[in-house]
Amino acid sequence: MFTKSAVILTQSIGAPNGAAQKDVATALSWLGISDIKKVGFALMESIYWDELSQKRKTAILKKIKKIASRYKSPRMATQTIATKLKFRLCRKMQKDIIKKGQPLTLDNRYWMEQGWL
């Protein structure tokens, strides 16, 4: 997961959808994804593509093409310091569970299979 990228596309009628994007971005960052981009669209006229004005359609397509051009050629994302710190924190928590002598959970076994412990 540490070399993957994510793009969050959201749409809403009226109010901006930054809170929803932030929630998804937080979850993805805890999964180890450090290259996260967010794109949101306010659909003031309608939720149906055919009912949108040509001006709004053009603006949406322009945004999507701009973000898509960044991901045309495959490249691995680099880990940020925040991602590394979150991983180390989680690894320490997994090691502490094992040290306490508690029965191994599926998470513990997965971490051991991956060679992270």
Protein backbone atom coordinates (compact mmCIF):
# COMPACT_ATOMS: atom_id res chain seq x y z
CA MET A 1 0.00 0.00 0.00
CA PHE A 2 2.91 2.35 0.63
CA THR A 3 3.58 2.99 -3.05
CA LYS A 4 -0.01 3.48 -4.19
CA SER A 5 -1.83 6.67 -5.15
CA ALA A 6 -5.47 7.63 -4.69
CA VAL A 7 -7.78 10.21 -6.22
CA ILE A 8 -10.98 11.08 -4.37
CA LEU A 9 -13.76 12.29 -6.67
CA THR A 10 -16.89 13.68 -5.04
CA GLN A 11 -19.91 15.60 -6.21
CA SER A 12 -22.69 17.36 -4.38
CA ILE A 13 -25.60 19.61 -4.97
CA GLY A 14 -24.98 22.99 -3.41
CA ALA A 15 -22.61 22.86 -0.44
CA PRO A 16 -18.97 21.86 -0.92
CA ASN A 17 -18.05 18.32 -0.02
CA GLY A 18 -14.69 18.89 1.67
CA ALA A 19 -15.70 17.10 4.88
CA ALA A 20 -16.46 13.86 3.03
CA GLN A 21 -13.18 14.11 1.11
CA LYS A 22 -11.25 14.68 4.32
CA ASP A 23 -12.78 11.60 5.98
CA VAL A 24 -11.86 9.38 3.04
CA ALA A 25 -8.35 10.88 2.83
CA THR A 26 -7.78 10.23 6.54
CA ALA A 27 -8.80 6.59 6.17
CA LEU A 28 -6.56 6.14 3.13
CA SER A 29 -3.57 7.75 4.86
CA TRP A 30 -3.92 5.31 7.78
CA LEU A 31 -3.88 2.50 5.22
CA GLY A 32 -0.44 3.70 4.09
CA ILE A 33 -1.34 5.71 0.99
CA SER A 34 0.59 8.98 0.98
CA ASP A 35 -0.22 10.31 -2.51
CA ILE A 36 -3.85 11.40 -2.13
CA LYS A 37 -5.53 14.01 -4.33
CA LYS A 38 -9.04 15.34 -3.83
CA VAL A 39 -11.36 16.71 -6.54
CA GLY A 40 -14.89 17.85 -5.84
CA PHE A 41 -17.65 19.20 -8.02
CA ALA A 42 -20.63 21.29 -7.00
CA LEU A 43 -23.53 20.40 -9.25
CA MET A 44 -25.75 23.42 -8.80
CA GLU A 45 -28.11 22.69 -11.67
CA SER A 46 -28.84 18.97 -11.63
CA ILE A 47 -27.42 15.59 -10.71
CA TYR A 48 -27.82 14.27 -14.25
CA TRP A 49 -25.02 14.81 -16.74
CA ASP A 50 -27.37 15.48 -19.64
CA GLU A 51 -29.10 18.28 -17.72
CA LEU A 52 -25.91 20.19 -16.86
CA SER A 53 -24.98 23.30 -18.81
CA GLN A 54 -22.20 23.01 -21.35
CA LYS A 55 -20.09 25.45 -19.32
CA ARG A 56 -20.27 23.25 -16.18
CA LYS A 57 -19.59 20.08 -18.19
CA THR A 58 -16.51 21.68 -19.70
CA ALA A 59 -15.23 22.78 -16.27
CA ILE A 60 -15.72 19.30 -14.82
CA LEU A 61 -14.01 17.58 -17.74
CA LYS A 62 -11.12 20.04 -17.57
CA LYS A 63 -10.57 19.26 -13.87
CA ILE A 64 -10.75 15.52 -14.44
CA LYS A 65 -8.35 15.61 -17.39
CA LYS A 66 -5.88 17.72 -15.43
CA ILE A 67 -5.77 15.28 -12.52
CA ALA A 68 -5.75 12.25 -14.86
CA SER A 69 -2.74 13.58 -16.76
CA ARG A 70 -0.74 13.32 -13.55
CA TYR A 71 -1.37 9.57 -13.41
CA LYS A 72 -1.02 8.62 -17.10
CA SER A 73 2.44 7.14 -16.76
CA PRO A 74 2.71 4.70 -13.88
CA ARG A 75 5.01 5.74 -11.06
CA MET A 76 5.34 4.67 -7.49
CA ALA A 77 4.36 7.17 -4.81
CA THR A 78 6.90 8.01 -2.14
CA GLN A 79 6.20 7.68 1.54
CA THR A 80 5.74 10.86 3.51
CA ILE A 81 7.06 11.30 7.02
CA ALA A 82 3.49 11.12 8.36
CA THR A 83 2.95 7.74 6.66
CA LYS A 84 6.20 6.38 8.09
CA LEU A 85 5.31 7.58 11.59
CA LYS A 86 1.82 6.06 11.42
CA PHE A 87 3.29 2.73 10.28
CA ARG A 88 5.84 2.71 13.10
CA LEU A 89 3.15 3.51 15.64
CA CYS A 90 0.97 0.65 14.38
CA ARG A 91 3.95 -1.74 14.32
CA LYS A 92 4.75 -0.87 17.94
CA MET A 93 1.15 -1.55 18.91
CA GLN A 94 1.25 -4.95 17.18
CA LYS A 95 4.53 -5.85 18.92
CA ASP A 96 3.10 -4.84 22.31
CA ILE A 97 0.14 -7.16 21.80
CA ILE A 98 2.49 -10.05 21.06
CA LYS A 99 4.71 -9.24 24.08
CA LYS A 100 1.72 -9.36 26.42
CA GLY A 101 1.22 -13.00 25.47
CA GLN A 102 -2.29 -12.48 24.21
CA PRO A 103 -3.61 -14.86 21.54
CA LEU A 104 -2.58 -13.78 18.05
CA THR A 105 -5.27 -11.99 16.08
CA LEU A 106 -5.64 -12.07 12.30
CA ASP A 107 -3.94 -8.66 12.20
CA ASN A 108 -0.94 -9.98 14.16
CA ARG A 109 -0.61 -12.95 11.85
CA TYR A 110 -0.85 -10.76 8.76
CA TRP A 111 1.84 -8.41 10.06
CA MET A 112 4.09 -11.41 10.78
CA GLU A 113 3.49 -12.90 7.30
CA GLN A 114 4.46 -9.58 5.73
CA GLY A 115 7.68 -9.52 7.76
CA TRP A 116 6.80 -6.25 9.49
CA LEU A 117 7.23 -7.63 13.01
